[in-house]
Amino acid sequence: MLEIKLDDSAFRADLATLYRRLGNLTPVMQSIGMEMESRISGRFETRTDPNGKRWAPWAPSTLDSYPEDGNRQLLDRYGDMLLSLNHKADATSVRIGFGKPYAAFHEWGTKRMPRRGLIFADPDGGTLAKADEDAVLNIIGIWLAGN
Protein backbone atom coordinates (compact mmCIF):
# COMPACT_ATOMS: atom_id res chain seq x y z
CA MET A 1 0.00 0.00 0.00
CA LEU A 2 1.25 3.44 -0.93
CA GLU A 3 1.25 5.88 1.97
CA ILE A 4 1.97 9.58 1.65
CA LYS A 5 2.16 11.89 4.63
CA LEU A 6 0.58 15.32 4.57
CA ASP A 7 2.51 18.37 5.69
CA ASP A 8 0.31 19.17 8.70
CA SER A 9 2.22 22.21 9.95
CA ALA A 10 -0.79 24.48 9.29
CA PHE A 11 -2.96 22.35 11.58
CA ARG A 12 -0.56 21.05 14.20
CA ALA A 13 -1.04 23.64 16.97
CA ASP A 14 -4.84 23.63 16.77
CA LEU A 15 -4.97 19.84 16.65
CA ALA A 16 -2.72 19.68 19.71
CA THR A 17 -5.13 21.99 21.55
CA LEU A 18 -8.09 19.83 20.56
CA TYR A 19 -6.23 16.69 21.57
CA ARG A 20 -5.62 18.12 25.04
CA ARG A 21 -9.33 18.94 25.34
CA LEU A 22 -10.82 15.79 23.84
CA GLY A 23 -8.14 13.13 24.18
CA ASN A 24 -9.61 11.31 21.19
CA LEU A 25 -9.72 13.13 17.85
CA THR A 26 -11.64 10.43 15.97
CA PRO A 27 -14.75 12.61 15.44
CA VAL A 28 -12.60 15.52 14.24
CA MET A 29 -10.61 13.27 11.92
CA GLN A 30 -13.86 11.72 10.66
CA SER A 31 -15.17 15.21 9.80
CA ILE A 32 -11.95 16.06 7.97
CA GLY A 33 -12.05 12.77 6.06
CA MET A 34 -15.65 13.29 4.98
CA GLU A 35 -14.95 16.84 3.81
CA MET A 36 -11.86 15.83 1.84
CA GLU A 37 -13.68 12.89 0.25
CA SER A 38 -16.39 15.29 -0.90
CA ARG A 39 -13.83 17.72 -2.32
CA ILE A 40 -11.88 15.00 -4.12
CA SER A 41 -15.06 13.48 -5.52
CA GLY A 42 -16.04 16.89 -6.84
CA ARG A 43 -12.84 17.02 -8.87
CA PHE A 44 -14.12 14.15 -10.98
CA GLU A 45 -17.10 16.38 -11.83
CA THR A 46 -15.13 19.57 -12.54
CA ARG A 47 -12.16 17.75 -14.13
CA THR A 48 -9.79 20.04 -12.23
CA ASP A 49 -6.89 19.52 -9.86
CA PRO A 50 -6.90 20.83 -6.26
CA ASN A 51 -5.66 24.24 -7.46
CA GLY A 52 -8.50 24.54 -9.98
CA LYS A 53 -6.37 23.80 -13.06
CA ARG A 54 -8.20 21.81 -15.75
CA TRP A 55 -6.93 18.28 -16.29
CA ALA A 56 -5.08 17.74 -19.54
CA PRO A 57 -7.24 16.09 -22.21
CA TRP A 58 -6.55 12.56 -23.36
CA ALA A 59 -3.90 11.87 -25.92
CA PRO A 60 -5.43 10.61 -29.19
CA SER A 61 -3.82 7.21 -28.57
CA THR A 62 -5.61 6.94 -25.22
CA LEU A 63 -8.94 7.88 -26.73
CA ASP A 64 -8.47 5.31 -29.52
CA SER A 65 -7.70 2.56 -27.01
CA TYR A 66 -10.55 3.34 -24.63
CA PRO A 67 -13.16 0.60 -24.28
CA GLU A 68 -16.49 1.25 -25.96
CA ASP A 69 -18.40 0.07 -22.88
CA GLY A 70 -16.57 2.47 -20.55
CA ASN A 71 -17.69 5.88 -19.33
CA ARG A 72 -15.35 7.62 -21.83
CA GLN A 73 -14.44 10.35 -19.36
CA LEU A 74 -11.08 11.33 -17.89
CA LEU A 75 -10.14 9.20 -14.87
CA ASP A 76 -13.43 7.39 -15.13
CA ARG A 77 -13.07 4.37 -17.39
CA TYR A 78 -15.61 2.33 -15.44
CA GLY A 79 -15.92 4.43 -12.28
CA ASP A 80 -13.74 2.06 -10.25
CA MET A 81 -11.23 4.64 -9.04
CA LEU A 82 -13.87 7.07 -7.79
CA LEU A 83 -15.77 4.23 -6.13
CA SER A 84 -12.58 3.23 -4.31
CA LEU A 85 -12.17 6.71 -2.72
CA ASN A 86 -12.33 6.32 1.05
CA HIS A 87 -11.07 7.59 4.36
CA LYS A 88 -10.26 5.96 7.67
CA ALA A 89 -10.16 7.99 10.87
CA ASP A 90 -8.73 7.10 14.26
CA ALA A 91 -7.84 8.97 17.46
CA THR A 92 -4.86 10.80 15.97
CA SER A 93 -5.08 10.69 12.17
CA VAL A 94 -7.16 10.36 9.05
CA ARG A 95 -6.09 8.51 5.91
CA ILE A 96 -7.70 9.57 2.67
CA GLY A 97 -7.07 7.84 -0.61
CA PHE A 98 -8.06 5.39 -3.27
CA GLY A 99 -8.22 1.62 -3.17
CA LYS A 100 -6.82 1.46 -6.69
CA PRO A 101 -3.03 1.57 -6.99
CA TYR A 102 -3.14 3.31 -10.36
CA ALA A 103 -4.49 6.44 -8.66
CA ALA A 104 -0.85 7.29 -7.90
CA PHE A 105 -0.10 7.59 -11.62
CA HIS A 106 -2.77 10.25 -11.90
CA GLU A 107 -1.69 12.09 -8.74
CA TRP A 108 1.95 12.35 -9.85
CA GLY A 109 1.77 11.83 -13.61
CA THR A 110 4.28 9.73 -15.52
CA LYS A 111 6.78 10.31 -18.31
CA ARG A 112 4.00 9.73 -20.83
CA MET A 113 0.93 10.88 -18.92
CA PRO A 114 0.34 14.37 -17.50
CA ARG A 115 -0.51 14.79 -13.86
CA ARG A 116 -4.21 14.94 -13.12
CA GLY A 117 -4.10 15.71 -9.42
CA LEU A 118 -6.85 14.74 -7.05
CA ILE A 119 -5.59 15.03 -3.48
CA PHE A 120 -2.53 17.26 -3.25
CA ALA A 121 -1.64 20.68 -4.62
CA ASP A 122 1.94 19.39 -4.54
CA PRO A 123 2.15 15.61 -4.15
CA ASP A 124 5.93 15.65 -3.66
CA GLY A 125 5.64 18.18 -0.84
CA GLY A 126 2.51 16.58 0.58
CA THR A 127 0.69 19.91 0.64
CA LEU A 128 -2.99 20.62 0.19
CA ALA A 129 -4.39 23.39 -1.98
CA LYS A 130 -5.23 26.59 -0.12
CA ALA A 131 -9.00 25.95 -0.39
CA ASP A 132 -8.60 22.43 1.01
CA GLU A 133 -6.35 23.66 3.80
CA ASP A 134 -8.88 26.37 4.65
CA ALA A 135 -11.67 23.77 4.75
CA VAL A 136 -9.69 21.62 7.19
CA LEU A 137 -8.87 24.66 9.32
CA ASN A 138 -12.56 25.59 9.34
CA ILE A 139 -13.51 22.13 10.62
CA ILE A 140 -10.86 22.33 13.33
CA GLY A 141 -12.09 25.84 14.21
CA ILE A 142 -15.66 24.60 14.60
CA TRP A 143 -14.48 21.85 16.93
CA LEU A 144 -12.35 24.31 18.92
CA ALA A 145 -15.30 26.68 19.32
CA GLY A 146 -17.60 23.90 20.46
CA ASN A 147 -15.23 22.24 22.91
C-alpha atoms as a PDB file:
ATOM      1  CA  MET A   1       0.000   0.000   0.000  1.00  0.00           C
ATOM      2  CA  LEU A   2       1.247   3.443  -0.932  1.00  0.00           C
ATOM      3  CA  GLU A   3       1.255   5.877   1.966  1.00  0.00           C
ATOM      4  CA  ILE A   4       1.969   9.582   1.650  1.00  0.00           C
ATOM      5  CA  LYS A   5       2.162  11.893   4.628  1.00  0.00           C
ATOM      6  CA  LEU A   6       0.579  15.320   4.572  1.00  0.00           C
ATOM      7  CA  ASP A   7       2.510  18.370   5.695  1.00  0.00           C
ATOM      8  CA  ASP A   8       0.311  19.167   8.697  1.00  0.00           C
ATOM      9  CA  SER A   9       2.225  22.208   9.949  1.00  0.00           C
ATOM     10  CA  ALA A  10      -0.790  24.483   9.288  1.00  0.00           C
ATOM     11  CA  PHE A  11      -2.963  22.348  11.585  1.00  0.00           C
ATOM     12  CA  ARG A  12      -0.556  21.046  14.199  1.00  0.00           C
ATOM     13  CA  ALA A  13      -1.036  23.642  16.967  1.00  0.00           C
ATOM     14  CA  ASP A  14      -4.839  23.628  16.770  1.00  0.00           C
ATOM     15  CA  LEU A  15      -4.967  19.836  16.647  1.00  0.00           C
ATOM     16  CA  ALA A  16      -2.718  19.675  19.707  1.00  0.00           C
ATOM     17  CA  THR A  17      -5.126  21.989  21.550  1.00  0.00           C
ATOM     18  CA  LEU A  18      -8.086  19.827  20.558  1.00  0.00           C
ATOM     19  CA  TYR A  19      -6.234  16.686  21.572  1.00  0.00           C
ATOM     20  CA  ARG A  20      -5.618  18.119  25.044  1.00  0.00           C
ATOM     21  CA  ARG A  21      -9.332  18.945  25.341  1.00  0.00           C
ATOM     22  CA  LEU A  22     -10.823  15.790  23.838  1.00  0.00           C
ATOM     23  CA  GLY A  23      -8.141  13.132  24.183  1.00  0.00           C
ATOM     24  CA  ASN A  24      -9.608  11.314  21.188  1.00  0.00           C
ATOM     25  CA  LEU A  25      -9.724  13.131  17.854  1.00  0.00           C
ATOM     26  CA  THR A  26     -11.641  10.426  15.974  1.00  0.00           C
ATOM     27  CA  PRO A  27     -14.751  12.610  15.438  1.00  0.00           C
ATOM     28  CA  VAL A  28     -12.597  15.521  14.242  1.00  0.00           C
ATOM     29  CA  MET A  29     -10.615  13.272  11.919  1.00  0.00           C
ATOM     30  CA  GLN A  30     -13.858  11.723  10.656  1.00  0.00           C
ATOM     31  CA  SER A  31     -15.168  15.207   9.804  1.00  0.00           C
ATOM     32  CA  ILE A  32     -11.954  16.062   7.968  1.00  0.00           C
ATOM     33  CA  GLY A  33     -12.052  12.772   6.064  1.00  0.00           C
ATOM     34  CA  MET A  34     -15.648  13.294   4.978  1.00  0.00           C
ATOM     35  CA  GLU A  35     -14.948  16.843   3.814  1.00  0.00           C
ATOM     36  CA  MET A  36     -11.863  15.828   1.845  1.00  0.00           C
ATOM     37  CA  GLU A  37     -13.678  12.890   0.250  1.00  0.00           C
ATOM     38  CA  SER A  38     -16.385  15.291  -0.899  1.00  0.00           C
ATOM     39  CA  ARG A  39     -13.833  17.722  -2.318  1.00  0.00           C
ATOM     40  CA  ILE A  40     -11.876  14.999  -4.117  1.00  0.00           C
ATOM     41  CA  SER A  41     -15.060  13.476  -5.517  1.00  0.00           C
ATOM     42  CA  GLY A  42     -16.035  16.889  -6.842  1.00  0.00           C
ATOM     43  CA  ARG A  43     -12.835  17.020  -8.875  1.00  0.00           C
ATOM     44  CA  PHE A  44     -14.123  14.154 -10.977  1.00  0.00           C
ATOM     45  CA  GLU A  45     -17.103  16.379 -11.825  1.00  0.00           C
ATOM     46  CA  THR A  46     -15.130  19.565 -12.545  1.00  0.00           C
ATOM     47  CA  ARG A  47     -12.159  17.753 -14.134  1.00  0.00           C
ATOM     48  CA  THR A  48      -9.790  20.039 -12.232  1.00  0.00           C
ATOM     49  CA  ASP A  49      -6.886  19.523  -9.859  1.00  0.00           C
ATOM     50  CA  PRO A  50      -6.901  20.834  -6.262  1.00  0.00           C
ATOM     51  CA  ASN A  51      -5.662  24.242  -7.457  1.00  0.00           C
ATOM     52  CA  GLY A  52      -8.500  24.542  -9.982  1.00  0.00           C
ATOM     53  CA  LYS A  53      -6.368  23.802 -13.055  1.00  0.00           C
ATOM     54  CA  ARG A  54      -8.200  21.810 -15.752  1.00  0.00           C
ATOM     55  CA  TRP A  55      -6.931  18.284 -16.289  1.00  0.00           C
ATOM     56  CA  ALA A  56      -5.076  17.744 -19.541  1.00  0.00           C
ATOM     57  CA  PRO A  57      -7.239  16.086 -22.206  1.00  0.00           C
ATOM     58  CA  TRP A  58      -6.554  12.559 -23.361  1.00  0.00           C
ATOM     59  CA  ALA A  59      -3.903  11.869 -25.918  1.00  0.00           C
ATOM     60  CA  PRO A  60      -5.433  10.615 -29.190  1.00  0.00           C
ATOM     61  CA  SER A  61      -3.822   7.214 -28.574  1.00  0.00           C
ATOM     62  CA  THR A  62      -5.608   6.941 -25.219  1.00  0.00           C
ATOM     63  CA  LEU A  63      -8.936   7.881 -26.728  1.00  0.00           C
ATOM     64  CA  ASP A  64      -8.469   5.313 -29.515  1.00  0.00           C
ATOM     65  CA  SER A  65      -7.704   2.555 -27.008  1.00  0.00           C
ATOM     66  CA  TYR A  66     -10.554   3.336 -24.627  1.00  0.00           C
ATOM     67  CA  PRO A  67     -13.161   0.596 -24.275  1.00  0.00           C
ATOM     68  CA  GLU A  68     -16.492   1.251 -25.959  1.00  0.00           C
ATOM     69  CA  ASP A  69     -18.395   0.067 -22.878  1.00  0.00           C
ATOM     70  CA  GLY A  70     -16.567   2.467 -20.548  1.00  0.00           C
ATOM     71  CA  ASN A  71     -17.689   5.884 -19.334  1.00  0.00           C
ATOM     72  CA  ARG A  72     -15.352   7.618 -21.831  1.00  0.00           C
ATOM     73  CA  GLN A  73     -14.439  10.352 -19.364  1.00  0.00           C
ATOM     74  CA  LEU A  74     -11.077  11.326 -17.894  1.00  0.00           C
ATOM     75  CA  LEU A  75     -10.145   9.203 -14.867  1.00  0.00           C
ATOM     76  CA  ASP A  76     -13.431   7.394 -15.125  1.00  0.00           C
ATOM     77  CA  ARG A  77     -13.069   4.373 -17.388  1.00  0.00           C
ATOM     78  CA  TYR A  78     -15.611   2.329 -15.444  1.00  0.00           C
ATOM     79  CA  GLY A  79     -15.918   4.429 -12.280  1.00  0.00           C
ATOM     80  CA  ASP A  80     -13.736   2.057 -10.254  1.00  0.00           C
ATOM     81  CA  MET A  81     -11.228   4.636  -9.041  1.00  0.00           C
ATOM     82  CA  LEU A  82     -13.870   7.067  -7.794  1.00  0.00           C
ATOM     83  CA  LEU A  83     -15.774   4.234  -6.132  1.00  0.00           C
ATOM     84  CA  SER A  84     -12.577   3.234  -4.315  1.00  0.00           C
ATOM     85  CA  LEU A  85     -12.175   6.710  -2.722  1.00  0.00           C
ATOM     86  CA  ASN A  86     -12.326   6.324   1.046  1.00  0.00           C
ATOM     87  CA  HIS A  87     -11.075   7.586   4.360  1.00  0.00           C
ATOM     88  CA  LYS A  88     -10.263   5.960   7.668  1.00  0.00           C
ATOM     89  CA  ALA A  89     -10.155   7.989  10.874  1.00  0.00           C
ATOM     90  CA  ASP A  90      -8.728   7.105  14.264  1.00  0.00           C
ATOM     91  CA  ALA A  91      -7.844   8.967  17.457  1.00  0.00           C
ATOM     92  CA  THR A  92      -4.864  10.802  15.968  1.00  0.00           C
ATOM     93  CA  SER A  93      -5.076  10.693  12.167  1.00  0.00           C
ATOM     94  CA  VAL A  94      -7.155  10.361   9.045  1.00  0.00           C
ATOM     95  CA  ARG A  95      -6.091   8.508   5.912  1.00  0.00           C
ATOM     96  CA  ILE A  96      -7.696   9.568   2.667  1.00  0.00           C
ATOM     97  CA  GLY A  97      -7.071   7.835  -0.608  1.00  0.00           C
ATOM     98  CA  PHE A  98      -8.058   5.392  -3.271  1.00  0.00           C
ATOM     99  CA  GLY A  99      -8.222   1.624  -3.166  1.00  0.00           C
ATOM    100  CA  LYS A 100      -6.823   1.465  -6.690  1.00  0.00           C
ATOM    101  CA  PRO A 101      -3.026   1.571  -6.986  1.00  0.00           C
ATOM    102  CA  TYR A 102      -3.137   3.310 -10.362  1.00  0.00           C
ATOM    103  CA  ALA A 103      -4.493   6.444  -8.661  1.00  0.00           C
ATOM    104  CA  ALA A 104      -0.849   7.292  -7.896  1.00  0.00           C
ATOM    105  CA  PHE A 105      -0.100   7.589 -11.619  1.00  0.00           C
ATOM    106  CA  HIS A 106      -2.773  10.252 -11.904  1.00  0.00           C
ATOM    107  CA  GLU A 107      -1.686  12.085  -8.740  1.00  0.00           C
ATOM    108  CA  TRP A 108       1.954  12.346  -9.854  1.00  0.00           C
ATOM    109  CA  GLY A 109       1.770  11.830 -13.612  1.00  0.00           C
ATOM    110  CA  THR A 110       4.282   9.725 -15.522  1.00  0.00           C
ATOM    111  CA  LYS A 111       6.782  10.312 -18.312  1.00  0.00           C
ATOM    112  CA  ARG A 112       4.002   9.732 -20.832  1.00  0.00           C
ATOM    113  CA  MET A 113       0.934  10.880 -18.916  1.00  0.00           C
ATOM    114  CA  PRO A 114       0.339  14.369 -17.498  1.00  0.00           C
ATOM    115  CA  ARG A 115      -0.514  14.788 -13.860  1.00  0.00           C
ATOM    116  CA  ARG A 116      -4.212  14.944 -13.121  1.00  0.00           C
ATOM    117  CA  GLY A 117      -4.096  15.709  -9.423  1.00  0.00           C
ATOM    118  CA  LEU A 118      -6.854  14.739  -7.050  1.00  0.00           C
ATOM    119  CA  ILE A 119      -5.595  15.033  -3.483  1.00  0.00           C
ATOM    120  CA  PHE A 120      -2.531  17.262  -3.246  1.00  0.00           C
ATOM    121  CA  ALA A 121      -1.642  20.681  -4.623  1.00  0.00           C
ATOM    122  CA  ASP A 122       1.940  19.387  -4.542  1.00  0.00           C
ATOM    123  CA  PRO A 123       2.150  15.609  -4.150  1.00  0.00           C
ATOM    124  CA  ASP A 124       5.926  15.647  -3.662  1.00  0.00           C
ATOM    125  CA  GLY A 125       5.637  18.182  -0.843  1.00  0.00           C
ATOM    126  CA  GLY A 126       2.507  16.580   0.583  1.00  0.00           C
ATOM    127  CA  THR A 127       0.689  19.905   0.637  1.00  0.00           C
ATOM    128  CA  LEU A 128      -2.991  20.615   0.195  1.00  0.00           C
ATOM    129  CA  ALA A 129      -4.386  23.385  -1.979  1.00  0.00           C
ATOM    130  CA  LYS A 130      -5.232  26.594  -0.121  1.00  0.00           C
ATOM    131  CA  ALA A 131      -8.997  25.953  -0.389  1.00  0.00           C
ATOM    132  CA  ASP A 132      -8.601  22.425   1.012  1.00  0.00           C
ATOM    133  CA  GLU A 133      -6.347  23.660   3.799  1.00  0.00           C
ATOM    134  CA  ASP A 134      -8.884  26.371   4.646  1.00  0.00           C
ATOM    135  CA  ALA A 135     -11.674  23.771   4.752  1.00  0.00           C
ATOM    136  CA  VAL A 136      -9.686  21.625   7.187  1.00  0.00           C
ATOM    137  CA  LEU A 137      -8.867  24.664   9.323  1.00  0.00           C
ATOM    138  CA  ASN A 138     -12.561  25.587   9.336  1.00  0.00           C
ATOM    139  CA  ILE A 139     -13.505  22.131  10.619  1.00  0.00           C
ATOM    140  CA  ILE A 140     -10.861  22.331  13.327  1.00  0.00           C
ATOM    141  CA  GLY A 141     -12.086  25.841  14.215  1.00  0.00           C
ATOM    142  CA  ILE A 142     -15.660  24.604  14.599  1.00  0.00           C
ATOM    143  CA  TRP A 143     -14.484  21.848  16.929  1.00  0.00           C
ATOM    144  CA  LEU A 144     -12.352  24.312  18.915  1.00  0.00           C
ATOM    145  CA  ALA A 145     -15.304  26.680  19.323  1.00  0.00           C
ATOM    146  CA  GLY A 146     -17.602  23.899  20.465  1.00  0.00           C
ATOM    147  CA  ASN A 147     -15.225  22.243  22.908  1.00  0.00           C
END
